[in-house]
């Protein structure tokens, strides 16, 4: 239990707190830190420490690659909607919904072409 708690604390401190605090000072630096695949790197690190299974790491990395593509829709739609004057929460909800639809579409296409995640 304490090992899991340590992972949660390290991950949340590094990602959420660091990005939000840095973004208060510089949106460029906050965006740079947020754009790094820190979540993926930490997930792979924790998975390797827990399992020592490089096959699982390779599968995770490949899955992340394919699913990054539909996630980009969020970063296109959110600023677009906000600049159009929509409420923040409405813009977030619409952007998350559109992104979820794109995930579904990508997974359907990958399955159709025999790519397993």
C-alpha atoms as a PDB file:
ATOM      1  CA  UNK A   1       0.000   0.000   0.000  1.00  0.00           C
ATOM      2  CA  UNK A   2       2.785   2.467   0.867  1.00  0.00           C
ATOM      3  CA  UNK A   3       4.510   1.749  -2.463  1.00  0.00           C
ATOM      4  CA  UNK A   4       1.327   2.697  -4.326  1.00  0.00           C
ATOM      5  CA  UNK A   5       0.997   5.830  -2.228  1.00  0.00           C
ATOM      6  CA  UNK A   6       4.582   6.807  -3.055  1.00  0.00           C
ATOM      7  CA  UNK A   7       3.852   6.366  -6.772  1.00  0.00           C
ATOM      8  CA  UNK A   8       0.725   8.519  -6.504  1.00  0.00           C
ATOM      9  CA  UNK A   9       2.525  11.283  -4.619  1.00  0.00           C
ATOM     10  CA  UNK A  10       5.510  11.385  -6.974  1.00  0.00           C
ATOM     11  CA  UNK A  11       3.347  11.287 -10.070  1.00  0.00           C
ATOM     12  CA  UNK A  12       0.865  13.901  -8.905  1.00  0.00           C
ATOM     13  CA  UNK A  13       3.518  16.258  -7.577  1.00  0.00           C
ATOM     14  CA  UNK A  14       5.570  16.039 -10.717  1.00  0.00           C
ATOM     15  CA  UNK A  15       2.723  16.419 -13.127  1.00  0.00           C
ATOM     16  CA  UNK A  16      -0.239  18.269 -11.751  1.00  0.00           C
ATOM     17  CA  UNK A  17       1.359  20.580  -9.210  1.00  0.00           C
ATOM     18  CA  UNK A  18       4.486  21.368 -11.215  1.00  0.00           C
ATOM     19  CA  UNK A  19       2.585  22.109 -14.416  1.00  0.00           C
ATOM     20  CA  UNK A  20      -0.080  24.245 -12.753  1.00  0.00           C
ATOM     21  CA  UNK A  21       2.449  26.243 -10.715  1.00  0.00           C
ATOM     22  CA  UNK A  22       4.780  26.742 -13.670  1.00  0.00           C
ATOM     23  CA  UNK A  23       1.855  27.809 -15.875  1.00  0.00           C
ATOM     24  CA  UNK A  24       1.036  30.613 -13.440  1.00  0.00           C
ATOM     25  CA  UNK A  25       4.453  32.094 -14.166  1.00  0.00           C
ATOM     26  CA  UNK A  26       4.830  31.216 -17.835  1.00  0.00           C
ATOM     27  CA  UNK A  27       2.253  29.607 -20.083  1.00  0.00           C
ATOM     28  CA  UNK A  28       5.080  28.653 -22.482  1.00  0.00           C
ATOM     29  CA  UNK A  29       7.021  26.759 -19.821  1.00  0.00           C
ATOM     30  CA  UNK A  30       3.828  25.209 -18.464  1.00  0.00           C
ATOM     31  CA  UNK A  31       2.871  24.090 -21.956  1.00  0.00           C
ATOM     32  CA  UNK A  32       6.357  22.722 -22.574  1.00  0.00           C
ATOM     33  CA  UNK A  33       6.288  20.653 -19.393  1.00  0.00           C
ATOM     34  CA  UNK A  34       2.727  19.484 -20.061  1.00  0.00           C
ATOM     35  CA  UNK A  35       3.579  18.512 -23.638  1.00  0.00           C
ATOM     36  CA  UNK A  36       6.372  16.209 -22.563  1.00  0.00           C
ATOM     37  CA  UNK A  37       5.254  12.608 -22.314  1.00  0.00           C
ATOM     38  CA  UNK A  38       5.890  12.601 -18.570  1.00  0.00           C
ATOM     39  CA  UNK A  39       2.750  10.641 -17.773  1.00  0.00           C
ATOM     40  CA  UNK A  40       3.720   7.993 -20.317  1.00  0.00           C
ATOM     41  CA  UNK A  41       7.321   7.871 -19.141  1.00  0.00           C
ATOM     42  CA  UNK A  42       6.274   7.501 -15.511  1.00  0.00           C
ATOM     43  CA  UNK A  43       3.697   4.851 -16.397  1.00  0.00           C
ATOM     44  CA  UNK A  44       6.353   2.878 -18.285  1.00  0.00           C
ATOM     45  CA  UNK A  45       8.817   3.316 -15.436  1.00  0.00           C
ATOM     46  CA  UNK A  46       6.316   2.130 -12.802  1.00  0.00           C
ATOM     47  CA  UNK A  47       5.232  -0.767 -15.046  1.00  0.00           C
ATOM     48  CA  UNK A  48       8.828  -1.855 -15.575  1.00  0.00           C
ATOM     49  CA  UNK A  49       9.667  -1.585 -11.870  1.00  0.00           C
ATOM     50  CA  UNK A  50       6.564  -3.630 -11.037  1.00  0.00           C
ATOM     51  CA  UNK A  51       6.820  -6.308 -13.765  1.00  0.00           C
ATOM     52  CA  UNK A  52      10.256  -6.167 -15.471  1.00  0.00           C
ATOM     53  CA  UNK A  53       8.265  -7.094 -18.604  1.00  0.00           C
ATOM     54  CA  UNK A  54       9.679  -5.191 -21.581  1.00  0.00           C
ATOM     55  CA  UNK A  55       6.994  -6.681 -23.830  1.00  0.00           C
ATOM     56  CA  UNK A  56       4.330  -4.893 -21.785  1.00  0.00           C
ATOM     57  CA  UNK A  57       6.351  -1.677 -22.036  1.00  0.00           C
ATOM     58  CA  UNK A  58       6.588  -2.040 -25.824  1.00  0.00           C
ATOM     59  CA  UNK A  59       2.839  -2.676 -26.098  1.00  0.00           C
ATOM     60  CA  UNK A  60       2.082   0.313 -23.887  1.00  0.00           C
ATOM     61  CA  UNK A  61       4.371   2.573 -25.949  1.00  0.00           C
ATOM     62  CA  UNK A  62       2.742   1.443 -29.204  1.00  0.00           C
ATOM     63  CA  UNK A  63      -0.740   1.973 -27.777  1.00  0.00           C
ATOM     64  CA  UNK A  64       0.200   5.441 -26.565  1.00  0.00           C
ATOM     65  CA  UNK A  65       1.500   6.301 -30.032  1.00  0.00           C
ATOM     66  CA  UNK A  66      -1.767   5.411 -31.728  1.00  0.00           C
ATOM     67  CA  UNK A  67      -3.914   7.137 -29.113  1.00  0.00           C
ATOM     68  CA  UNK A  68      -1.943  10.386 -29.100  1.00  0.00           C
ATOM     69  CA  UNK A  69      -3.313  11.092 -32.567  1.00  0.00           C
ATOM     70  CA  UNK A  70      -6.992  11.406 -31.557  1.00  0.00           C
ATOM     71  CA  UNK A  71      -6.030  13.239 -28.349  1.00  0.00           C
ATOM     72  CA  UNK A  72      -4.744  16.126 -30.465  1.00  0.00           C
ATOM     73  CA  UNK A  73      -8.361  16.939 -31.339  1.00  0.00           C
ATOM     74  CA  UNK A  74      -8.819  18.171 -27.762  1.00  0.00           C
ATOM     75  CA  UNK A  75      -6.011  20.702 -28.145  1.00  0.00           C
ATOM     76  CA  UNK A  76      -7.480  21.962 -31.394  1.00  0.00           C
ATOM     77  CA  UNK A  77     -11.114  22.154 -30.305  1.00  0.00           C
ATOM     78  CA  UNK A  78     -10.669  23.673 -26.829  1.00  0.00           C
ATOM     79  CA  UNK A  79      -8.859  26.868 -27.865  1.00  0.00           C
ATOM     80  CA  UNK A  80     -11.156  27.194 -30.880  1.00  0.00           C
ATOM     81  CA  UNK A  81     -14.289  27.031 -28.713  1.00  0.00           C
ATOM     82  CA  UNK A  82     -12.874  29.370 -26.071  1.00  0.00           C
ATOM     83  CA  UNK A  83     -11.895  31.934 -28.712  1.00  0.00           C
ATOM     84  CA  UNK A  84     -15.442  31.719 -30.069  1.00  0.00           C
ATOM     85  CA  UNK A  85     -16.635  32.877 -26.644  1.00  0.00           C
ATOM     86  CA  UNK A  86     -18.092  29.659 -25.275  1.00  0.00           C
ATOM     87  CA  UNK A  87     -18.088  29.135 -21.524  1.00  0.00           C
ATOM     88  CA  UNK A  88     -14.992  27.354 -20.189  1.00  0.00           C
ATOM     89  CA  UNK A  89     -16.855  24.362 -18.753  1.00  0.00           C
ATOM     90  CA  UNK A  90     -18.990  23.963 -21.863  1.00  0.00           C
ATOM     91  CA  UNK A  91     -15.882  24.172 -24.058  1.00  0.00           C
ATOM     92  CA  UNK A  92     -14.150  21.547 -21.903  1.00  0.00           C
ATOM     93  CA  UNK A  93     -17.178  19.246 -22.066  1.00  0.00           C
ATOM     94  CA  UNK A  94     -17.542  19.565 -25.833  1.00  0.00           C
ATOM     95  CA  UNK A  95     -13.797  19.111 -26.385  1.00  0.00           C
ATOM     96  CA  UNK A  96     -13.702  16.022 -24.161  1.00  0.00           C
ATOM     97  CA  UNK A  97     -16.755  14.559 -25.909  1.00  0.00           C
ATOM     98  CA  UNK A  98     -15.328  15.150 -29.373  1.00  0.00           C
ATOM     99  CA  UNK A  99     -12.019  13.663 -28.250  1.00  0.00           C
ATOM    100  CA  UNK A 100     -13.788  10.588 -26.833  1.00  0.00           C
ATOM    101  CA  UNK A 101     -15.518  10.148 -30.187  1.00  0.00           C
ATOM    102  CA  UNK A 102     -12.159  10.365 -31.948  1.00  0.00           C
ATOM    103  CA  UNK A 103     -10.714   7.745 -29.589  1.00  0.00           C
ATOM    104  CA  UNK A 104     -13.616   5.446 -30.426  1.00  0.00           C
ATOM    105  CA  UNK A 105     -13.097   6.066 -34.144  1.00  0.00           C
ATOM    106  CA  UNK A 106      -9.340   5.435 -33.908  1.00  0.00           C
ATOM    107  CA  UNK A 107      -9.786   2.197 -31.956  1.00  0.00           C
ATOM    108  CA  UNK A 108     -12.409   1.041 -34.467  1.00  0.00           C
ATOM    109  CA  UNK A 109     -10.088   1.813 -37.396  1.00  0.00           C
ATOM    110  CA  UNK A 110      -7.091   0.156 -35.762  1.00  0.00           C
ATOM    111  CA  UNK A 111      -9.142  -2.965 -35.026  1.00  0.00           C
ATOM    112  CA  UNK A 112     -10.403  -3.031 -38.620  1.00  0.00           C
ATOM    113  CA  UNK A 113      -6.814  -2.972 -39.910  1.00  0.00           C
ATOM    114  CA  UNK A 114      -5.601  -5.620 -37.469  1.00  0.00           C
ATOM    115  CA  UNK A 115      -3.649  -3.366 -35.106  1.00  0.00           C
ATOM    116  CA  UNK A 116      -4.116  -4.555 -31.536  1.00  0.00           C
ATOM    117  CA  UNK A 117      -3.764  -2.209 -28.615  1.00  0.00           C
END
